[in-house]
Amino acid sequence: MSKLVNLNKARKDRKRDAEKRDAEVNAARFGRSKAEKQAMAAKLSKAAQTLDGHKIDQPEE
């Protein structure tokens, strides 16, 4: 005798698996870890400070 399968459960499981695969693909394509985001923010902040430090003040006339 064959095993009984709840078709609604099987359909939902397939949908959940497909969404999980799509999420993993998108995370690999677009996602960055929290550490990578913080490192980029620190790098941009340092670059902005360096740029501001090299500005020449113009005397007011």
N, C-alpha and C. Protein backbone atom coordinates (compact mmCIF):
# COMPACT_ATOMS: atom_id res chain seq x y z
N MET A 1 0.84 -1.18 0.00
CA MET A 1 0.00 0.00 0.00
C MET A 1 0.89 1.24 0.00
N SER A 2 0.49 2.22 -0.74
CA SER A 2 1.30 3.44 -0.85
C SER A 2 1.03 4.39 0.31
N LYS A 3 1.98 5.31 0.48
CA LYS A 3 1.89 6.29 1.56
C LYS A 3 0.93 7.41 1.16
N LEU A 4 0.08 7.82 2.08
CA LEU A 4 -0.85 8.91 1.82
C LEU A 4 -0.10 10.23 1.90
N VAL A 5 -0.44 11.15 0.99
CA VAL A 5 0.22 12.46 0.93
C VAL A 5 -0.84 13.53 0.97
N ASN A 6 -0.68 14.46 1.89
CA ASN A 6 -1.57 15.61 1.94
C ASN A 6 -1.10 16.58 0.86
N LEU A 7 -1.91 16.77 -0.17
CA LEU A 7 -1.50 17.58 -1.32
C LEU A 7 -1.30 19.05 -0.96
N ASN A 8 -2.10 19.56 -0.03
CA ASN A 8 -1.92 20.95 0.38
C ASN A 8 -0.56 21.13 1.06
N LYS A 9 -0.21 20.18 1.92
CA LYS A 9 1.07 20.26 2.62
C LYS A 9 2.23 20.14 1.64
N ALA A 10 2.10 19.24 0.68
CA ALA A 10 3.16 19.06 -0.33
C ALA A 10 3.32 20.32 -1.17
N ARG A 11 2.21 20.95 -1.55
CA ARG A 11 2.26 22.18 -2.34
C ARG A 11 2.92 23.30 -1.55
N LYS A 12 2.56 23.44 -0.30
CA LYS A 12 3.14 24.48 0.55
C LYS A 12 4.63 24.24 0.78
N ASP A 13 5.01 22.97 0.96
CA ASP A 13 6.43 22.64 1.13
C ASP A 13 7.24 23.00 -0.11
N ARG A 14 6.69 22.68 -1.29
CA ARG A 14 7.38 23.03 -2.53
C ARG A 14 7.54 24.54 -2.67
N LYS A 15 6.48 25.28 -2.34
CA LYS A 15 6.52 26.74 -2.44
C LYS A 15 7.55 27.30 -1.46
N ARG A 16 7.57 26.79 -0.24
CA ARG A 16 8.52 27.25 0.78
C ARG A 16 9.96 26.97 0.35
N ASP A 17 10.20 25.80 -0.22
CA ASP A 17 11.54 25.46 -0.70
C ASP A 17 11.97 26.38 -1.84
N ALA A 18 11.05 26.67 -2.76
CA ALA A 18 11.38 27.56 -3.89
C ALA A 18 11.70 28.96 -3.40
N GLU A 19 10.93 29.46 -2.44
CA GLU A 19 11.18 30.80 -1.89
C GLU A 19 12.52 30.85 -1.17
N LYS A 20 12.86 29.76 -0.48
CA LYS A 20 14.14 29.71 0.24
C LYS A 20 15.30 29.72 -0.76
N ARG A 21 15.17 28.98 -1.84
CA ARG A 21 16.21 28.98 -2.88
C ARG A 21 16.37 30.37 -3.48
N ASP A 22 15.24 31.03 -3.78
CA ASP A 22 15.30 32.38 -4.34
C ASP A 22 15.97 33.34 -3.36
N ALA A 23 15.66 33.21 -2.08
CA ALA A 23 16.25 34.09 -1.07
C ALA A 23 17.75 33.87 -0.98
N GLU A 24 18.19 32.63 -1.06
CA GLU A 24 19.63 32.34 -1.00
C GLU A 24 20.36 32.92 -2.22
N VAL A 25 19.73 32.82 -3.38
CA VAL A 25 20.34 33.37 -4.60
C VAL A 25 20.45 34.89 -4.48
N ASN A 26 19.38 35.54 -4.01
CA ASN A 26 19.41 36.99 -3.85
C ASN A 26 20.41 37.42 -2.80
N ALA A 27 20.53 36.68 -1.73
CA ALA A 27 21.49 37.03 -0.68
C ALA A 27 22.91 36.92 -1.20
N ALA A 28 23.16 35.92 -2.01
CA ALA A 28 24.50 35.77 -2.58
C ALA A 28 24.78 36.87 -3.60
N ARG A 29 23.76 37.30 -4.32
CA ARG A 29 23.96 38.30 -5.36
C ARG A 29 24.04 39.72 -4.78
N PHE A 30 23.16 40.06 -3.85
CA PHE A 30 23.03 41.43 -3.39
C PHE A 30 23.45 41.65 -1.94
N GLY A 31 23.43 40.63 -1.14
CA GLY A 31 23.61 40.80 0.29
C GLY A 31 25.05 41.00 0.71
N ARG A 32 25.22 41.70 1.81
CA ARG A 32 26.53 41.87 2.44
C ARG A 32 26.33 41.61 3.92
N SER A 33 27.35 41.11 4.56
CA SER A 33 27.24 40.83 5.98
C SER A 33 27.29 42.14 6.76
N LYS A 34 26.90 42.08 8.01
CA LYS A 34 26.91 43.26 8.87
C LYS A 34 28.33 43.80 9.00
N ALA A 35 29.31 42.93 9.12
CA ALA A 35 30.70 43.36 9.25
C ALA A 35 31.16 44.09 7.99
N GLU A 36 30.76 43.59 6.82
CA GLU A 36 31.13 44.26 5.57
C GLU A 36 30.51 45.65 5.47
N LYS A 37 29.24 45.77 5.91
CA LYS A 37 28.57 47.08 5.89
C LYS A 37 29.27 48.05 6.84
N GLN A 38 29.64 47.59 8.03
CA GLN A 38 30.31 48.46 9.00
C GLN A 38 31.69 48.86 8.51
N ALA A 39 32.40 47.95 7.88
CA ALA A 39 33.73 48.26 7.35
C ALA A 39 33.64 49.30 6.24
N MET A 40 32.65 49.18 5.38
CA MET A 40 32.46 50.15 4.30
C MET A 40 32.09 51.51 4.87
N ALA A 41 31.24 51.56 5.89
CA ALA A 41 30.85 52.83 6.51
C ALA A 41 32.07 53.50 7.14
N ALA A 42 32.92 52.72 7.81
CA ALA A 42 34.12 53.27 8.42
C ALA A 42 35.07 53.81 7.36
N LYS A 43 35.20 53.09 6.27
CA LYS A 43 36.09 53.52 5.18
C LYS A 43 35.59 54.83 4.56
N LEU A 44 34.27 54.92 4.33
CA LEU A 44 33.70 56.14 3.76
C LEU A 44 33.83 57.32 4.72
N SER A 45 33.65 57.07 6.01
CA SER A 45 33.80 58.12 7.02
C SER A 45 35.23 58.63 7.04
N LYS A 46 36.19 57.73 7.01
CA LYS A 46 37.60 58.13 7.02
C LYS A 46 37.94 58.92 5.77
N ALA A 47 37.42 58.52 4.62
CA ALA A 47 37.67 59.23 3.37
C ALA A 47 37.09 60.64 3.43
N ALA A 48 35.90 60.79 4.00
CA ALA A 48 35.28 62.11 4.13
C ALA A 48 36.10 63.00 5.06
N GLN A 49 36.59 62.45 6.17
CA GLN A 49 37.41 63.22 7.10
C GLN A 49 38.71 63.65 6.44
N THR A 50 39.32 62.78 5.68
CA THR A 50 40.57 63.10 4.98
C THR A 50 40.33 64.21 3.96
N LEU A 51 39.24 64.11 3.22
CA LEU A 51 38.91 65.13 2.24
C LEU A 51 38.67 66.47 2.91
N ASP A 52 37.93 66.48 4.01
CA ASP A 52 37.67 67.72 4.74
C ASP A 52 38.97 68.31 5.30
N GLY A 53 39.89 67.48 5.67
CA GLY A 53 41.16 67.94 6.22
C GLY A 53 42.05 68.60 5.18
N HIS A 54 41.84 68.31 3.91
CA HIS A 54 42.66 68.87 2.85
C HIS A 54 42.06 70.13 2.22
N LYS A 55 40.91 70.58 2.71
CA LYS A 55 40.29 71.78 2.16
C LYS A 55 41.10 73.00 2.55
N ILE A 56 41.15 73.93 1.63
CA ILE A 56 41.84 75.19 1.89
C ILE A 56 40.77 76.23 2.23
N ASP A 57 40.94 76.87 3.37
CA ASP A 57 39.98 77.90 3.78
C ASP A 57 40.28 79.17 3.00
N GLN A 58 39.25 79.74 2.42
CA GLN A 58 39.38 80.99 1.68
C GLN A 58 39.10 82.16 2.64
N PRO A 59 39.99 83.17 2.67
CA PRO A 59 39.71 84.31 3.54
C PRO A 59 38.49 85.09 3.04
N GLU A 60 37.69 85.56 3.97
CA GLU A 60 36.51 86.33 3.61
C GLU A 60 36.92 87.74 3.23
N GLU A 61 36.36 88.29 2.19
CA GLU A 61 36.71 89.64 1.75
C GLU A 61 35.64 90.62 2.05
